[in-house]
N, C-alpha and C. Protein backbone atom coordinates (compact mmCIF):
# COMPACT_ATOMS: atom_id res chain seq x y z
N MET A 1 -20.93 -17.06 -0.73
CA MET A 1 -19.96 -16.09 -1.18
C MET A 1 -20.46 -14.94 -2.16
N SER A 2 -19.53 -14.09 -2.28
CA SER A 2 -19.46 -12.57 -2.60
C SER A 2 -20.45 -12.62 -3.79
N SER A 3 -21.04 -11.43 -4.16
CA SER A 3 -21.34 -11.25 -5.65
C SER A 3 -20.21 -11.17 -6.10
N THR A 4 -19.16 -10.42 -5.84
CA THR A 4 -17.76 -9.39 -6.85
C THR A 4 -17.11 -11.55 -6.87
N VAL A 5 -16.78 -12.39 -6.01
CA VAL A 5 -16.85 -13.39 -7.18
C VAL A 5 -17.12 -14.27 -7.86
N LEU A 6 -18.64 -14.50 -7.65
CA LEU A 6 -19.66 -14.76 -8.67
C LEU A 6 -18.79 -14.76 -10.32
N LEU A 7 -18.98 -13.31 -10.02
CA LEU A 7 -18.27 -12.37 -11.38
C LEU A 7 -17.39 -12.69 -11.85
N GLY A 8 -16.06 -12.46 -10.88
CA GLY A 8 -15.20 -12.52 -11.27
C GLY A 8 -15.35 -14.27 -11.99
N ALA A 9 -15.58 -15.34 -11.52
CA ALA A 9 -16.08 -16.32 -11.93
C ALA A 9 -16.16 -17.04 -13.05
N LYS A 10 -17.33 -15.75 -13.32
CA LYS A 10 -18.09 -15.88 -15.05
C LYS A 10 -17.27 -15.26 -15.67
N LEU A 11 -16.47 -13.63 -15.38
CA LEU A 11 -15.70 -13.26 -16.03
C LEU A 11 -14.47 -14.10 -17.26
N VAL A 12 -14.18 -15.14 -15.96
CA VAL A 12 -13.17 -16.01 -16.55
C VAL A 12 -13.53 -17.24 -17.16
N GLY A 13 -14.50 -18.09 -16.95
CA GLY A 13 -15.02 -18.40 -17.66
C GLY A 13 -15.65 -18.24 -19.42
N VAL A 14 -15.53 -17.26 -19.23
CA VAL A 14 -15.10 -16.67 -20.84
C VAL A 14 -14.10 -16.59 -21.90
N MET A 15 -13.06 -16.79 -20.80
CA MET A 15 -11.71 -15.63 -21.46
C MET A 15 -11.01 -17.92 -21.84
N PRO A 16 -9.61 -17.51 -22.58
CA PRO A 16 -9.02 -18.22 -23.29
C PRO A 16 -8.91 -20.04 -21.69
N PRO A 17 -8.67 -20.73 -21.95
CA PRO A 17 -8.18 -21.76 -21.50
C PRO A 17 -7.20 -21.35 -20.74
N SER A 18 -5.73 -20.70 -22.01
CA SER A 18 -4.63 -20.70 -20.87
C SER A 18 -4.66 -19.53 -20.22
N VAL A 19 -5.82 -18.47 -19.89
CA VAL A 19 -6.12 -17.40 -18.78
C VAL A 19 -6.98 -18.13 -17.55
N GLN A 20 -7.68 -18.94 -17.73
CA GLN A 20 -8.07 -19.98 -16.49
C GLN A 20 -7.83 -20.39 -16.19
N LYS A 21 -6.67 -20.24 -16.40
CA LYS A 21 -5.65 -22.18 -16.02
C LYS A 21 -4.17 -21.15 -15.17
N VAL A 22 -4.14 -20.22 -15.46
CA VAL A 22 -3.24 -18.95 -14.95
C VAL A 22 -3.86 -18.84 -13.57
N TYR A 23 -5.61 -18.46 -14.00
CA TYR A 23 -6.57 -17.93 -12.80
C TYR A 23 -6.47 -19.09 -11.85
N ARG A 24 -6.77 -20.33 -12.22
CA ARG A 24 -6.41 -21.49 -11.10
C ARG A 24 -5.32 -21.71 -10.38
N THR A 25 -4.27 -21.11 -10.82
CA THR A 25 -2.95 -21.39 -10.28
C THR A 25 -2.76 -20.29 -9.66
N LEU A 26 -2.98 -19.33 -9.84
CA LEU A 26 -2.58 -17.58 -8.98
C LEU A 26 -4.08 -18.17 -7.61
N ARG A 27 -5.23 -19.24 -8.08
CA ARG A 27 -6.06 -19.05 -7.03
C ARG A 27 -5.85 -19.99 -5.32
N SER A 28 -4.11 -20.81 -5.15
CA SER A 28 -3.90 -21.24 -4.65
C SER A 28 -3.65 -20.59 -3.29
N GLY A 29 -4.10 -18.89 -3.23
CA GLY A 29 -3.87 -18.50 -2.43
C GLY A 29 -2.25 -17.92 -2.00
N LYS A 30 -1.08 -18.43 -2.66
CA LYS A 30 0.07 -17.31 -2.47
C LYS A 30 0.40 -17.04 -3.71
N ARG A 31 1.17 -15.53 -3.28
CA ARG A 31 1.97 -15.06 -4.59
C ARG A 31 2.90 -15.85 -5.13
N MET A 32 3.09 -14.91 -6.50
CA MET A 32 3.27 -16.08 -7.23
C MET A 32 4.60 -14.65 -8.02
N HIS A 33 5.68 -15.61 -8.52
CA HIS A 33 6.47 -14.94 -9.97
C HIS A 33 5.52 -14.96 -11.44
N VAL A 34 6.31 -15.02 -12.44
CA VAL A 34 5.79 -14.82 -13.91
C VAL A 34 6.48 -16.35 -13.30
N GLY A 35 7.98 -16.55 -13.41
CA GLY A 35 8.36 -17.64 -13.49
C GLY A 35 7.94 -19.04 -12.80
N ASP A 36 7.18 -18.61 -11.71
CA ASP A 36 6.29 -20.00 -10.51
C ASP A 36 5.24 -20.54 -11.67
N ILE A 37 4.13 -19.01 -11.99
CA ILE A 37 3.64 -19.75 -13.10
C ILE A 37 4.12 -20.97 -13.60
N GLU A 38 4.30 -19.65 -15.11
CA GLU A 38 4.96 -21.01 -16.01
C GLU A 38 5.22 -22.29 -15.97
N LEU A 39 5.84 -22.17 -14.01
CA LEU A 39 6.63 -24.13 -13.99
C LEU A 39 5.49 -24.82 -13.14
N LYS A 40 4.34 -24.45 -13.23
CA LYS A 40 3.19 -25.53 -13.17
C LYS A 40 2.33 -25.09 -13.72
N THR A 41 2.15 -24.27 -14.78
CA THR A 41 1.54 -24.32 -15.71
C THR A 41 2.11 -25.07 -16.91
N ARG A 42 3.08 -24.73 -17.22
CA ARG A 42 3.85 -25.35 -18.26
C ARG A 42 3.54 -24.54 -19.27
N TYR A 43 3.77 -23.54 -19.36
CA TYR A 43 3.58 -22.48 -20.02
C TYR A 43 4.49 -21.64 -21.13
N SER A 44 4.64 -21.11 -22.15
CA SER A 44 6.05 -20.01 -22.48
C SER A 44 5.58 -18.17 -21.57
N PRO A 45 6.96 -18.21 -21.55
CA PRO A 45 7.05 -16.81 -20.97
C PRO A 45 5.57 -15.89 -21.35
N ARG A 46 5.48 -15.58 -22.64
CA ARG A 46 4.43 -15.15 -23.36
C ARG A 46 3.71 -15.12 -23.76
N THR A 47 2.91 -16.54 -23.56
CA THR A 47 1.44 -17.18 -23.22
C THR A 47 1.07 -17.13 -21.11
N VAL A 48 2.14 -17.14 -19.98
CA VAL A 48 1.81 -16.20 -18.90
C VAL A 48 1.84 -15.04 -19.31
N ARG A 49 2.06 -13.97 -20.00
CA ARG A 49 2.80 -12.59 -19.35
C ARG A 49 1.37 -12.28 -19.65
N GLN A 50 1.13 -12.77 -21.04
CA GLN A 50 -0.34 -12.45 -21.49
C GLN A 50 -2.03 -12.45 -20.82
N ALA A 51 -1.65 -13.91 -20.36
CA ALA A 51 -2.79 -14.38 -19.58
C ALA A 51 -2.73 -13.03 -17.85
N LEU A 52 -1.86 -12.84 -17.85
CA LEU A 52 -1.46 -11.81 -16.53
C LEU A 52 -1.93 -10.88 -16.85
N ARG A 53 -1.84 -10.64 -18.05
CA ARG A 53 -2.09 -8.92 -18.35
C ARG A 53 -3.58 -8.75 -18.58
N GLN A 54 -4.74 -10.03 -19.04
CA GLN A 54 -5.80 -9.95 -18.99
C GLN A 54 -6.53 -9.89 -18.22
N LEU A 55 -6.22 -10.70 -16.91
CA LEU A 55 -6.29 -11.08 -15.67
C LEU A 55 -6.52 -9.46 -14.70
N LYS A 56 -5.43 -8.75 -15.08
CA LYS A 56 -5.08 -7.86 -14.30
C LYS A 56 -6.08 -6.53 -15.02
N ASN A 57 -6.23 -6.79 -16.33
CA ASN A 57 -6.94 -5.53 -17.04
C ASN A 57 -9.01 -5.79 -16.18
N ALA A 58 -9.31 -7.36 -16.58
CA ALA A 58 -10.61 -7.38 -15.82
C ALA A 58 -10.47 -7.57 -14.02
N ARG A 59 -9.29 -6.93 -13.58
CA ARG A 59 -9.76 -6.90 -12.04
C ARG A 59 -9.66 -7.54 -11.24
N LEU A 60 -9.36 -9.48 -11.68
CA LEU A 60 -9.15 -10.06 -10.87
C LEU A 60 -8.20 -10.85 -9.60
N ILE A 61 -6.89 -10.36 -10.70
CA ILE A 61 -5.79 -10.09 -9.60
C ILE A 61 -4.99 -8.51 -9.08
N THR A 62 -3.77 -8.45 -8.78
CA THR A 62 -3.21 -7.59 -8.86
C THR A 62 -2.17 -8.12 -8.36
N GLN A 63 -0.29 -6.79 -8.85
CA GLN A 63 0.21 -7.14 -9.00
C GLN A 63 1.14 -6.17 -7.59
N ILE A 64 2.01 -7.13 -7.02
CA ILE A 64 2.24 -6.36 -6.46
C ILE A 64 4.37 -6.47 -6.31
N PRO A 65 5.19 -5.42 -6.55
CA PRO A 65 6.70 -5.29 -7.20
C PRO A 65 7.03 -6.27 -5.43
N ASP A 66 8.00 -6.77 -6.08
CA ASP A 66 8.99 -7.74 -5.14
C ASP A 66 10.37 -6.57 -4.56
N MET A 67 9.97 -6.36 -3.32
CA MET A 67 11.22 -5.13 -2.65
C MET A 67 12.31 -6.14 -2.57
N MET A 68 12.82 -7.46 -2.94
CA MET A 68 14.32 -7.66 -3.20
C MET A 68 14.56 -6.84 -4.25
N ASP A 69 13.78 -6.78 -5.53
CA ASP A 69 14.92 -6.95 -6.85
C ASP A 69 13.14 -6.45 -7.41
N MET A 70 13.48 -5.29 -7.74
CA MET A 70 12.01 -3.73 -8.59
C MET A 70 11.95 -3.97 -9.95
N ARG A 71 12.43 -5.45 -10.46
CA ARG A 71 12.81 -5.80 -11.49
C ARG A 71 11.14 -6.84 -11.88
N ARG A 72 11.22 -7.07 -10.70
CA ARG A 72 10.16 -8.30 -10.72
C ARG A 72 8.51 -8.14 -9.74
N HIS A 73 7.88 -8.91 -10.15
CA HIS A 73 6.94 -8.43 -9.39
C HIS A 73 5.86 -9.48 -9.21
N TYR A 74 5.26 -9.94 -7.98
CA TYR A 74 4.54 -10.85 -7.74
C TYR A 74 2.65 -10.98 -8.22
N TYR A 75 2.52 -11.72 -7.81
CA TYR A 75 0.92 -12.41 -9.02
C TYR A 75 -0.03 -12.52 -7.78
N MET A 76 -1.06 -11.90 -7.61
CA MET A 76 -2.62 -13.34 -6.48
C MET A 76 -3.36 -12.53 -6.60
N VAL A 77 -4.01 -13.55 -6.32
CA VAL A 77 -6.01 -12.64 -7.08
C VAL A 77 -6.54 -12.04 -6.05
N VAL A 78 -7.29 -11.02 -6.19
CA VAL A 78 -8.37 -10.32 -5.68
C VAL A 78 -8.39 -10.43 -4.21
N ALA A 79 -8.02 -10.03 -3.16
CA ALA A 79 -9.37 -10.92 -2.24
C ALA A 79 -10.76 -10.57 -2.36
N SER A 80 -11.92 -11.18 -2.38
CA SER A 80 -13.21 -10.72 -1.76
C SER A 80 -13.72 -9.93 -0.71
């Protein structure tokens, strides 16, 4: 296991439970839209957006534009 993965796991461990759940949801390996994350976590759109913002700022996830609809984005865990 790389040091980046260990550092990411420690960082997520000190974040709020909602952020941890969103991160675990994204670790499935699939890229997801905000709506997909909302359905899986059963969190409100605002809670999901805040969690995604924190994870992006910590550089644990990446945001990918949806080429079919440039207003939407996919999110996925950064490859280690």
